[in-house]
Protein backbone atom coordinates (compact mmCIF):
# COMPACT_ATOMS: atom_id res chain seq x y z
CA MET A 1 -39.82 -112.78 -10.58
CA THR A 2 -39.60 -111.28 -14.02
CA GLU A 3 -42.40 -110.27 -16.30
CA SER A 4 -42.71 -111.81 -19.74
CA PRO A 5 -43.25 -108.88 -22.11
CA ALA A 6 -45.01 -110.99 -24.72
CA ARG A 7 -47.49 -112.55 -22.34
CA GLY A 8 -47.75 -109.96 -19.57
CA ARG A 9 -47.42 -112.62 -16.89
CA ARG A 10 -44.77 -113.08 -14.26
CA ARG A 11 -42.46 -116.09 -14.22
CA ARG A 12 -39.68 -117.32 -12.00
CA PRO A 13 -36.10 -116.73 -13.18
CA THR A 14 -34.49 -119.93 -14.45
CA ARG A 15 -31.16 -121.28 -13.23
CA LEU A 16 -29.66 -120.13 -16.53
CA THR A 17 -30.94 -116.61 -15.92
CA ARG A 18 -29.51 -116.54 -12.43
CA LEU A 19 -26.15 -117.91 -13.65
CA LEU A 20 -25.83 -115.39 -16.50
CA HIS A 21 -26.86 -112.53 -14.24
CA TRP A 22 -24.32 -113.43 -11.57
CA GLY A 23 -22.54 -110.11 -11.09
CA HIS A 24 -24.44 -108.55 -14.01
CA ARG A 25 -27.82 -107.47 -12.64
CA GLU A 26 -27.75 -104.43 -14.92
CA TRP A 27 -28.27 -106.63 -18.01
CA SER A 28 -31.92 -105.77 -17.74
CA ASP A 29 -33.22 -105.99 -21.31
CA ALA A 30 -32.73 -107.67 -24.66
CA ARG A 31 -30.66 -104.75 -25.97
CA GLU A 32 -28.12 -105.15 -23.16
CA LEU A 33 -28.01 -108.89 -23.78
CA ALA A 34 -27.32 -108.09 -27.44
CA HIS A 35 -24.41 -105.91 -26.33
CA ALA A 36 -23.13 -108.83 -24.24
CA ILE A 37 -23.35 -111.15 -27.25
CA HIS A 38 -21.56 -108.56 -29.40
CA GLY A 39 -18.78 -108.19 -26.83
CA THR A 40 -18.37 -111.95 -26.49
CA VAL A 41 -18.05 -112.40 -30.26
CA VAL A 42 -15.62 -109.48 -30.66
CA GLY A 43 -13.56 -110.64 -27.68
CA ALA A 44 -13.42 -114.24 -28.92
CA ALA A 45 -12.41 -113.16 -32.42
CA ALA A 46 -9.69 -110.86 -31.05
CA LEU A 47 -8.53 -113.65 -28.74
CA THR A 48 -8.24 -116.00 -31.71
CA ALA A 49 -6.30 -113.53 -33.85
CA ALA A 50 -3.98 -112.34 -31.08
CA SER A 51 -3.16 -115.84 -29.89
CA LEU A 52 -1.64 -116.79 -33.23
CA HIS A 53 1.59 -114.89 -32.55
CA GLY A 54 1.36 -113.35 -29.10
CA THR A 55 2.21 -114.06 -25.49
CA LEU A 56 -0.46 -114.21 -22.78
CA GLY A 57 0.08 -110.53 -21.94
CA GLU A 58 -0.13 -109.49 -25.58
CA VAL A 59 -3.32 -111.50 -26.07
CA VAL A 60 -4.98 -109.95 -23.02
CA VAL A 61 -4.00 -106.40 -24.02
CA THR A 62 -5.14 -106.96 -27.62
CA VAL A 63 -8.54 -108.28 -26.54
CA VAL A 64 -9.11 -105.52 -23.99
CA VAL A 65 -8.08 -102.75 -26.40
CA THR A 66 -10.13 -104.24 -29.25
CA VAL A 67 -13.29 -104.57 -27.17
CA LEU A 68 -12.85 -101.07 -25.73
CA VAL A 69 -12.42 -99.59 -29.22
CA TYR A 70 -15.63 -101.31 -30.36
CA TRP A 71 -17.41 -100.10 -27.21
CA VAL A 72 -16.19 -96.51 -27.62
CA ALA A 73 -17.13 -96.40 -31.30
CA GLU A 74 -20.59 -97.85 -30.70
CA ARG A 75 -21.31 -95.69 -27.66
CA TYR A 76 -19.97 -92.55 -29.37
CA ALA A 77 -22.40 -93.10 -32.24
CA ARG A 78 -25.24 -93.61 -29.75
CA VAL A 79 -24.30 -90.48 -27.74
CA LEU A 80 -24.28 -88.46 -30.96
CA SER A 81 -27.78 -89.67 -31.78
CA VAL A 82 -29.00 -88.67 -28.31
CA VAL A 83 -27.43 -85.22 -28.61
CA VAL A 84 -28.78 -84.73 -32.14
CA ASP A 85 -32.24 -85.57 -30.80
CA GLY A 86 -31.88 -82.55 -28.53
CA THR A 87 -30.94 -84.19 -25.24
CA HIS A 88 -27.95 -82.40 -23.77
CA ARG A 89 -28.26 -83.62 -20.19
CA LEU A 90 -25.26 -85.37 -18.68
CA ASP A 91 -27.47 -88.02 -17.05
CA ALA A 92 -28.82 -89.02 -20.49
CA VAL A 93 -25.29 -89.42 -21.81
CA ALA A 94 -24.29 -91.45 -18.74
CA GLU A 95 -27.30 -93.71 -19.29
CA VAL A 96 -26.26 -94.32 -22.91
CA LEU A 97 -22.75 -95.25 -21.79
CA ARG A 98 -24.03 -97.59 -19.08
CA HIS A 99 -26.33 -99.45 -21.45
CA GLY A 100 -23.46 -100.47 -23.70
CA TRP A 101 -21.18 -101.65 -20.88
CA PRO A 102 -22.30 -105.33 -21.06
CA MET A 103 -20.20 -105.52 -24.25
CA VAL A 104 -17.06 -105.06 -22.16
CA GLN A 105 -18.28 -107.12 -19.21
CA ALA A 106 -19.12 -110.19 -21.28
CA ALA A 107 -15.81 -110.08 -23.14
CA SER A 108 -13.95 -110.24 -19.84
CA THR A 109 -15.27 -113.67 -18.81
CA PRO A 110 -13.30 -115.68 -21.43
CA LEU A 111 -10.23 -113.54 -20.67
CA VAL A 112 -10.35 -114.46 -16.98
CA VAL A 113 -10.66 -118.13 -17.96
CA LEU A 114 -7.68 -117.74 -20.33
CA VAL A 115 -5.47 -116.24 -17.62
CA LEU A 116 -6.48 -118.88 -15.05
CA VAL A 117 -5.99 -121.85 -17.39
CA GLU A 118 -2.72 -120.52 -18.77
CA SER A 119 -1.38 -119.89 -15.26
CA VAL A 120 -2.21 -123.48 -14.25
CA THR A 121 -1.13 -125.26 -17.45
CA ASP A 122 1.55 -122.85 -18.70
CA ASP A 123 0.10 -123.52 -22.16
CA LEU A 124 -1.37 -120.57 -24.05
CA ARG A 125 -2.96 -122.77 -26.74
CA THR A 126 -4.88 -124.79 -24.14
CA GLY A 127 -5.94 -121.62 -22.36
CA VAL A 128 -7.19 -120.08 -25.59
CA LEU A 129 -9.18 -123.17 -26.58
CA ILE A 130 -10.82 -123.44 -23.16
CA ALA A 131 -11.56 -119.69 -23.15
CA LEU A 132 -13.18 -120.06 -26.59
CA VAL A 133 -15.31 -122.95 -25.32
CA VAL A 134 -16.42 -120.76 -22.39
CA ALA A 135 -17.22 -117.95 -24.84
CA THR A 136 -19.28 -120.40 -26.91
CA VAL A 137 -21.25 -121.58 -23.88
CA LEU A 138 -21.74 -117.95 -22.84
CA LEU A 139 -23.02 -117.07 -26.31
CA GLY A 140 -25.49 -119.94 -26.20
CA GLY A 141 -26.76 -118.91 -22.79
CA LEU A 142 -27.04 -115.24 -23.73
CA GLY A 143 -28.87 -116.08 -26.98
CA HIS A 144 -31.33 -118.27 -25.08
CA LEU A 145 -31.86 -115.64 -22.39
CA ALA A 146 -32.37 -112.84 -24.92
CA ALA A 147 -34.95 -114.93 -26.77
CA ARG A 148 -36.81 -115.75 -23.56
CA ARG A 149 -36.76 -112.06 -22.56
CA ALA A 150 -38.28 -111.25 -25.94
CA GLY A 151 -41.10 -113.67 -25.21
CA ALA A 152 -39.98 -116.59 -27.37
CA PRO A 153 -41.32 -120.01 -26.36
CA PRO A 154 -38.77 -122.39 -24.79
CA ALA A 155 -38.15 -124.38 -27.98
CA ALA A 156 -37.50 -121.24 -30.02
CA ALA A 157 -35.22 -119.89 -27.28
CA VAL A 158 -33.18 -123.10 -27.46
CA GLY A 159 -32.87 -122.55 -31.20
CA TRP A 160 -31.69 -118.96 -30.71
CA GLY A 161 -29.25 -120.14 -28.07
CA ALA A 162 -27.89 -122.76 -30.46
CA LEU A 163 -27.57 -120.18 -33.23
CA SER A 164 -25.67 -117.84 -30.89
CA ALA A 165 -23.41 -120.68 -29.76
CA GLY A 166 -22.83 -121.44 -33.45
CA LEU A 167 -20.94 -118.14 -33.70
CA GLY A 168 -18.56 -119.44 -31.05
CA VAL A 169 -18.17 -122.74 -32.89
CA VAL A 170 -17.24 -120.84 -36.06
CA ILE A 171 -14.58 -118.93 -34.12
CA ILE A 172 -13.18 -122.18 -32.66
CA VAL A 173 -13.07 -123.77 -36.11
CA LEU A 174 -11.23 -120.70 -37.42
CA LYS A 175 -8.78 -120.91 -34.53
CA LEU A 176 -8.08 -124.59 -35.16
CA SER A 177 -7.70 -124.09 -38.89
CA LEU A 178 -5.32 -121.15 -38.49
CA HIS A 179 -3.02 -122.74 -35.93
């Protein structure tokens, strides 16, 4: 059971929560879910750009490097703020690094789908489109889950999920218009 911060009562995890947390139990708060949304958007955008002229291997490397650069830059800035605040303990720095890791984890899901679909179909374009659809569904689920964690009522959480999925739709439209 999880506790609703807005209401102070405990509620059962939904199927969506269990599905999104599969393998990602450390996504424990709204901030980590925001990192996951950020990573999914960055990964999907890099996937779209790299797929215009690259092979499967080039696309995968481009997405991984791009997401890691974003993660390093964001975490470096956060580590600096912790150190400036006077915390020089290694465990505090490790905690800062861990909290941003969902950015990388979430970006990997569409990549795995891309590799699997491309290996079955031998068609990079199909793999990219299916990976972008998965990223869009993931964004919708993460947006919904983040809203529910923040105490939003179910209808508002659906709206936030739809708004998050809308980012994925924009990326798909860009992909289709560029290729």
